[in-house]
Amino acid sequence: MASSAPSTALPPTAAPTPEGLQWKGFVAGVLSGATKLLVGQPFDLIKVRMQCSTEYRNAWHCLKSTLGKEGPLALYKGASPPAVGWVLSDMMLLGSLHNYRLMFARIEARQRGEDPATEVAAERLSLKAHAMSGAMAGWTCSLIMAPVDEIKSKLQMQTTGPKIYTGPIDVAKQLVKKSGPFAFWRNLPAAAAHRTFIGGLFCSYEVMTRAFHDVPEDSPWKVSNATATFIAGGLASNIFWASSYPLDAIKNRLMADSLIKPRYPTYASAARAIWAEGGMRSVFRGFLPAMLRAFPTNASALLVWETTMRLLGAEQTR
């Protein structure tokens, strides 16, 4: 992902759109995922505990209770699956995003009568293509993240009581023993439904980065490319979470459910249970830590990804 010019024309550094799988987005995604783990894991733990338990009055109470009973390292409880998962997730998400954008760039170029193999694209990639690329990248990412989320959610819901799982490997063993190897993907539809909204994230991100770029150079509102990326990335992630949070709550209920005595046999049963606990208030339980986490985590990660893509000389997709 690199900044586009004020008009519909791409920057003079743009090149013909290449065919085949491009690797630079995957490499940059590894660094983005590592950034997310460092910044976002404590927020994620608070969010999941509030979504899956009614013992906490609010995010601050959950944080104080966690620190008081379990110590500061508890904020990174269940972090080993995300350590692998977020790196793999962003590698798949952002690497596939870049390739889907290139695919749509070739399609749109051919629709304009251009040869994408030899000509520089005359126009920016459409916002519709950005949205579709994001949604498809979200589905691709779900194949990796559904098993990771399954393990992480079960570990994060272990507090100070008797331990059901000794660690991520034990969770994996119990999943396979109970339901076979496909148990890791038993909630894949819920994960994919939630990540469909990534299309909206990257569409809104593109709208905002274009708006920042189009500000006149002599305007007091003009900001650097890095600042624009950080702000747009943070705000776009907030839009994503505000729109997809109910689906995330259902997904986490399903994934944190007991293997021995499951309470939620279906997606609908999890949704009904959440609503019965307090209506809209229950649906958005843990929303504040999710939003607080989303801005710095995704803003930092996208800034790292964009910077790495520029350093690698990645193919133009915007």
Protein backbone atom coordinates (compact mmCIF):
# COMPACT_ATOMS: atom_id res chain seq x y z
CA MET A 1 0.00 0.00 0.00
CA ALA A 2 1.50 3.32 -1.01
CA SER A 3 0.07 6.82 -1.10
CA SER A 4 -1.78 7.81 -4.27
CA ALA A 5 -1.63 11.14 -6.04
CA PRO A 6 -4.21 13.94 -5.66
CA SER A 7 -5.86 13.22 -9.01
CA THR A 8 -6.95 9.88 -10.41
CA ALA A 9 -3.46 9.28 -11.81
CA LEU A 10 -1.04 7.13 -9.88
CA PRO A 11 2.36 8.46 -8.77
CA PRO A 12 5.19 8.54 -11.34
CA THR A 13 6.84 5.61 -9.52
CA ALA A 14 3.93 3.33 -10.41
CA ALA A 15 4.57 0.36 -12.66
CA PRO A 16 2.45 -2.05 -14.71
CA THR A 17 0.36 -4.35 -12.51
CA PRO A 18 2.24 -7.68 -12.18
CA GLU A 19 0.70 -11.12 -12.64
CA GLY A 20 1.09 -13.95 -10.14
CA LEU A 21 1.41 -14.05 -6.37
CA GLN A 22 3.36 -11.10 -4.94
CA TRP A 23 5.30 -11.68 -1.69
CA LYS A 24 6.04 -8.22 -0.27
CA GLY A 25 2.67 -7.79 1.44
CA PHE A 26 3.19 -11.07 3.32
CA VAL A 27 6.64 -10.02 4.58
CA ALA A 28 5.37 -6.62 5.73
CA GLY A 29 2.40 -8.34 7.39
CA VAL A 30 4.73 -10.28 9.71
CA LEU A 31 6.02 -7.00 11.20
CA SER A 32 2.48 -5.65 11.42
CA GLY A 33 1.35 -8.71 13.37
CA ALA A 34 4.23 -8.42 15.84
CA THR A 35 3.26 -4.79 16.43
CA LYS A 36 -0.34 -5.78 17.16
CA LEU A 37 0.71 -8.32 19.77
CA LEU A 38 2.89 -5.85 21.65
CA VAL A 39 0.28 -3.07 21.70
CA GLY A 40 -3.03 -4.88 21.70
CA GLN A 41 -2.88 -8.07 23.79
CA PRO A 42 -3.76 -6.50 27.21
CA PHE A 43 -6.79 -4.73 25.70
CA ASP A 44 -7.87 -7.96 24.00
CA LEU A 45 -7.80 -9.94 27.24
CA ILE A 46 -10.03 -7.39 29.00
CA LYS A 47 -12.42 -7.36 26.03
CA VAL A 48 -12.79 -11.15 25.90
CA ARG A 49 -13.28 -11.48 29.68
CA MET A 50 -16.02 -8.85 29.66
CA GLN A 51 -17.73 -10.45 26.67
CA CYS A 52 -17.74 -13.91 28.21
CA SER A 53 -18.36 -13.20 31.92
CA THR A 54 -20.83 -11.11 33.91
CA GLU A 55 -18.64 -10.74 37.04
CA TYR A 56 -17.06 -7.46 35.89
CA ARG A 57 -18.92 -4.14 36.24
CA ASN A 58 -16.87 -2.33 33.60
CA ALA A 59 -13.48 -2.36 31.87
CA TRP A 60 -11.70 -0.63 34.77
CA HIS A 61 -13.11 -3.15 37.27
CA CYS A 62 -11.99 -6.00 35.03
CA LEU A 63 -8.48 -4.54 34.77
CA LYS A 64 -8.16 -3.97 38.53
CA SER A 65 -9.53 -7.42 39.33
CA THR A 66 -7.16 -9.09 36.87
CA LEU A 67 -4.10 -7.22 38.15
CA GLY A 68 -5.06 -7.68 41.81
CA LYS A 69 -5.77 -11.41 41.64
CA GLU A 70 -3.36 -12.56 38.95
CA GLY A 71 -0.64 -9.93 38.60
CA PRO A 72 0.50 -7.85 35.59
CA LEU A 73 1.65 -10.85 33.55
CA ALA A 74 -1.99 -11.97 33.43
CA LEU A 75 -2.57 -9.24 30.85
CA TYR A 76 -0.58 -11.41 28.45
CA LYS A 77 -2.35 -14.64 29.45
CA GLY A 78 -3.19 -16.58 26.33
CA ALA A 79 -0.61 -14.51 24.44
CA SER A 80 1.30 -17.43 22.95
CA PRO A 81 -1.47 -18.31 20.47
CA PRO A 82 -1.79 -14.63 19.42
CA ALA A 83 2.01 -14.36 19.22
CA VAL A 84 1.87 -16.93 16.45
CA GLY A 85 -1.66 -16.07 15.40
CA TRP A 86 -1.30 -12.33 14.94
CA VAL A 87 1.89 -12.74 12.93
CA LEU A 88 0.24 -15.39 10.74
CA SER A 89 -3.01 -13.42 10.69
CA ASP A 90 -1.50 -10.18 9.45
CA MET A 91 0.79 -12.04 7.09
CA MET A 92 -2.27 -13.68 5.52
CA LEU A 93 -4.59 -10.68 5.86
CA LEU A 94 -2.29 -8.01 4.47
CA GLY A 95 -0.45 -10.27 2.05
CA SER A 96 -3.70 -11.50 0.52
CA LEU A 97 -5.15 -7.97 0.65
CA HIS A 98 -2.27 -6.72 -1.50
CA ASN A 99 -2.73 -9.55 -3.98
CA TYR A 100 -6.51 -9.15 -4.15
CA ARG A 101 -6.00 -5.44 -4.85
CA LEU A 102 -3.58 -6.28 -7.64
CA MET A 103 -6.14 -8.74 -9.03
CA PHE A 104 -8.89 -6.11 -9.05
CA ALA A 105 -6.46 -3.55 -10.50
CA ARG A 106 -5.86 -5.89 -13.45
CA ILE A 107 -9.61 -6.47 -13.86
CA GLU A 108 -10.42 -2.75 -13.81
CA ALA A 109 -7.53 -1.97 -16.18
CA ARG A 110 -8.84 -4.49 -18.71
CA GLN A 111 -12.34 -3.03 -18.37
CA ARG A 112 -10.84 0.34 -19.42
CA GLY A 113 -9.13 -1.28 -22.39
CA GLU A 114 -5.64 -1.15 -20.87
CA ASP A 115 -3.03 -3.90 -20.80
CA PRO A 116 -2.08 -4.28 -17.11
CA ALA A 117 1.06 -6.23 -18.03
CA THR A 118 2.61 -3.33 -19.97
CA GLU A 119 0.72 -0.13 -19.06
CA VAL A 120 0.63 1.93 -15.87
CA ALA A 121 -2.97 2.11 -14.61
CA ALA A 122 -4.62 5.40 -15.55
CA GLU A 123 -6.91 5.52 -12.53
CA ARG A 124 -6.98 4.67 -8.87
CA LEU A 125 -8.41 1.37 -7.75
CA SER A 126 -12.13 1.86 -7.09
CA LEU A 127 -13.46 1.99 -3.54
CA LYS A 128 -15.66 -1.00 -4.35
CA ALA A 129 -12.54 -2.98 -5.21
CA HIS A 130 -10.91 -1.89 -1.95
CA ALA A 131 -13.96 -3.11 -0.03
CA MET A 132 -14.08 -6.44 -1.87
CA SER A 133 -10.34 -6.94 -1.40
CA GLY A 134 -10.69 -6.34 2.34
CA ALA A 135 -13.62 -8.74 2.73
CA MET A 136 -11.88 -11.47 0.74
CA ALA A 137 -8.69 -10.95 2.74
CA GLY A 138 -10.77 -11.31 5.91
CA TRP A 139 -12.13 -14.66 4.74
CA THR A 140 -8.64 -15.84 3.84
CA CYS A 141 -7.33 -14.74 7.24
CA SER A 142 -10.14 -16.61 9.02
CA LEU A 143 -8.71 -19.93 7.87
CA ILE A 144 -5.64 -19.19 10.02
CA MET A 145 -7.26 -17.26 12.86
CA ALA A 146 -10.28 -19.48 13.62
CA PRO A 147 -8.09 -22.16 15.32
CA VAL A 148 -6.00 -19.50 17.09
CA ASP A 149 -9.10 -17.71 18.37
CA GLU A 150 -10.55 -21.02 19.57
CA ILE A 151 -7.48 -21.72 21.71
CA LYS A 152 -6.98 -18.13 22.86
CA SER A 153 -10.59 -17.63 24.00
CA LYS A 154 -10.54 -20.78 26.13
CA LEU A 155 -7.26 -19.78 27.81
CA GLN A 156 -8.35 -16.19 28.42
CA MET A 157 -11.46 -17.29 30.30
CA GLN A 158 -9.39 -19.18 32.88
CA THR A 159 -9.13 -16.96 35.95
CA THR A 160 -8.21 -18.10 39.47
CA GLY A 161 -10.30 -21.27 39.67
CA PRO A 162 -9.25 -24.84 38.83
CA LYS A 163 -7.42 -24.98 35.53
CA ILE A 164 -9.13 -26.91 32.77
CA TYR A 165 -6.27 -26.32 30.35
CA THR A 166 -2.55 -26.18 31.17
CA GLY A 167 -1.70 -24.23 28.03
CA PRO A 168 -2.37 -23.87 24.30
CA ILE A 169 -1.05 -27.34 23.45
CA ASP A 170 -3.38 -28.87 26.04
CA VAL A 171 -6.34 -26.97 24.55
CA ALA A 172 -5.40 -28.30 21.12
CA LYS A 173 -5.15 -31.87 22.42
CA GLN A 174 -8.53 -31.67 24.13
CA LEU A 175 -10.16 -30.20 21.02
CA VAL A 176 -8.85 -33.01 18.84
CA LYS A 177 -9.75 -35.66 21.43
CA LYS A 178 -13.30 -34.35 21.75
CA SER A 179 -14.19 -33.57 18.14
CA GLY A 180 -11.34 -34.59 15.84
CA PRO A 181 -8.89 -32.44 13.84
CA PHE A 182 -11.61 -30.32 12.26
CA ALA A 183 -12.59 -29.05 15.72
CA PHE A 184 -10.18 -26.14 15.21
CA TRP A 185 -12.46 -24.84 12.45
CA ARG A 186 -15.82 -25.68 14.05
CA ASN A 187 -16.57 -21.95 14.41
CA LEU A 188 -15.09 -20.88 11.07
CA PRO A 189 -18.43 -19.48 9.79
CA ALA A 190 -18.65 -17.19 12.83
CA ALA A 191 -15.07 -16.05 12.34
CA ALA A 192 -15.59 -15.42 8.62
CA ALA A 193 -18.83 -13.50 9.22
CA HIS A 194 -17.06 -11.19 11.64
CA ARG A 195 -14.08 -10.60 9.35
CA THR A 196 -16.28 -9.78 6.37
CA PHE A 197 -16.42 -6.29 7.89
CA ILE A 198 -12.70 -5.88 7.18
CA GLY A 199 -13.92 -4.80 3.77
CA GLY A 200 -15.45 -1.73 5.41
CA LEU A 201 -12.25 -1.12 7.35
CA PHE A 202 -10.06 -0.89 4.27
CA CYS A 203 -12.64 1.01 2.23
CA SER A 204 -12.97 3.69 4.94
CA TYR A 205 -9.18 3.68 5.40
CA GLU A 206 -8.76 4.41 1.70
CA VAL A 207 -11.35 7.21 1.79
CA MET A 208 -9.52 8.88 4.68
CA THR A 209 -6.01 8.49 3.28
CA ARG A 210 -7.17 10.00 -0.02
CA ALA A 211 -8.77 12.89 1.86
CA PHE A 212 -5.56 13.54 3.80
CA HIS A 213 -3.48 13.34 0.63
CA ASP A 214 -5.73 15.76 -1.24
CA VAL A 215 -5.33 18.53 1.37
CA PRO A 216 -3.40 21.42 -0.27
CA GLU A 217 0.26 21.68 0.70
CA ASP A 218 -0.18 25.20 2.10
CA SER A 219 -3.17 24.24 4.28
CA PRO A 220 -2.72 24.27 8.08
CA TRP A 221 -4.52 20.89 8.05
CA LYS A 222 -1.84 19.24 5.93
CA VAL A 223 -0.12 16.37 7.77
CA SER A 224 2.72 14.01 6.93
CA ASN A 225 2.05 10.69 5.20
CA ALA A 226 2.95 8.84 8.41
CA THR A 227 0.52 10.90 10.49
CA ALA A 228 -2.22 10.44 7.88
CA THR A 229 -1.66 6.68 7.88
CA PHE A 230 -1.74 6.51 11.68
CA ILE A 231 -4.94 8.57 12.04
CA ALA A 232 -6.75 6.90 9.13
CA GLY A 233 -5.75 3.43 10.33
CA GLY A 234 -6.95 4.10 13.87
CA LEU A 235 -10.27 5.62 12.81
CA ALA A 236 -10.94 2.91 10.22
CA SER A 237 -10.36 0.23 12.85
CA ASN A 238 -12.85 1.97 15.15
CA ILE A 239 -15.40 1.92 12.33
CA PHE A 240 -14.73 -1.80 11.87
CA TRP A 241 -15.25 -2.62 15.54
CA ALA A 242 -18.30 -0.40 15.94
CA SER A 243 -20.01 -2.20 13.04
CA SER A 244 -18.84 -5.77 13.69
CA TYR A 245 -18.75 -5.94 17.49
CA PRO A 246 -22.01 -7.92 17.96
CA LEU A 247 -20.69 -10.64 15.65
CA ASP A 248 -17.40 -10.69 17.55
CA ALA A 249 -19.28 -11.17 20.83
CA ILE A 250 -21.16 -14.16 19.41
CA LYS A 251 -17.96 -15.62 17.95
CA ASN A 252 -16.14 -15.38 21.28
CA ARG A 253 -19.03 -16.99 23.18
CA LEU A 254 -18.96 -19.94 20.81
CA MET A 255 -15.19 -20.29 20.99
CA ALA A 256 -14.93 -19.93 24.78
CA ASP A 257 -17.71 -22.48 25.35
CA SER A 258 -17.00 -25.64 27.33
CA LEU A 259 -16.00 -28.74 25.41
CA ILE A 260 -17.55 -31.03 28.03
CA LYS A 261 -20.88 -29.28 28.66
CA PRO A 262 -21.40 -26.75 25.85
CA ARG A 263 -24.02 -24.07 26.51
CA TYR A 264 -24.29 -22.83 22.93
CA PRO A 265 -24.91 -25.59 20.37
CA THR A 266 -25.63 -23.08 17.59
CA TYR A 267 -24.80 -19.54 16.49
CA ALA A 268 -28.40 -18.49 17.19
CA SER A 269 -28.34 -19.94 20.71
CA ALA A 270 -25.25 -17.88 21.56
CA ALA A 271 -26.89 -14.73 20.19
CA ARG A 272 -30.09 -15.36 22.18
CA ALA A 273 -28.12 -16.00 25.38
CA ILE A 274 -26.21 -12.73 25.05
CA TRP A 275 -29.42 -10.78 24.43
CA ALA A 276 -31.20 -12.46 27.36
CA GLU A 277 -28.47 -11.29 29.75
CA GLY A 278 -29.32 -7.62 29.24
CA GLY A 279 -30.23 -6.73 25.69
CA MET A 280 -28.06 -4.21 23.87
CA ARG A 281 -25.95 -3.61 26.96
CA SER A 282 -24.88 -7.26 26.94
CA VAL A 283 -24.25 -7.23 23.20
CA PHE A 284 -21.77 -4.37 23.62
CA ARG A 285 -20.19 -5.52 26.89
CA GLY A 286 -16.44 -4.93 26.63
CA PHE A 287 -16.94 -2.42 23.81
CA LEU A 288 -14.84 0.32 25.44
CA PRO A 289 -11.63 -1.73 25.78
CA ALA A 290 -12.15 -3.00 22.24
CA MET A 291 -12.34 0.56 20.89
CA LEU A 292 -9.46 1.75 23.06
CA ARG A 293 -7.37 -1.17 21.84
CA ALA A 294 -8.36 -0.80 18.19
CA PHE A 295 -7.02 2.69 17.57
CA PRO A 296 -3.40 2.42 18.80
CA THR A 297 -3.04 -1.24 17.82
CA ASN A 298 -4.22 -0.96 14.23
CA ALA A 299 -2.86 2.54 13.67
CA SER A 300 0.61 1.36 14.71
CA ALA A 301 0.35 -1.89 12.75
CA LEU A 302 -0.80 -0.20 9.53
CA LEU A 303 1.93 2.42 9.85
CA VAL A 304 4.52 -0.36 10.18
CA TRP A 305 3.00 -2.20 7.21
CA GLU A 306 2.83 0.85 4.96
CA THR A 307 6.40 1.85 5.83
CA THR A 308 7.72 -1.65 5.19
CA MET A 309 5.85 -1.85 1.87
CA ARG A 310 7.45 1.42 0.75
CA LEU A 311 10.92 0.24 1.82
CA LEU A 312 10.40 -3.00 -0.12
CA GLY A 313 9.27 -1.08 -3.20
CA ALA A 314 5.92 -2.88 -3.25
CA GLU A 315 3.71 -2.88 -6.32
CA GLN A 316 1.24 0.02 -6.55
CA THR A 317 -2.34 -0.91 -5.66
CA ARG A 318 -3.83 2.50 -4.86
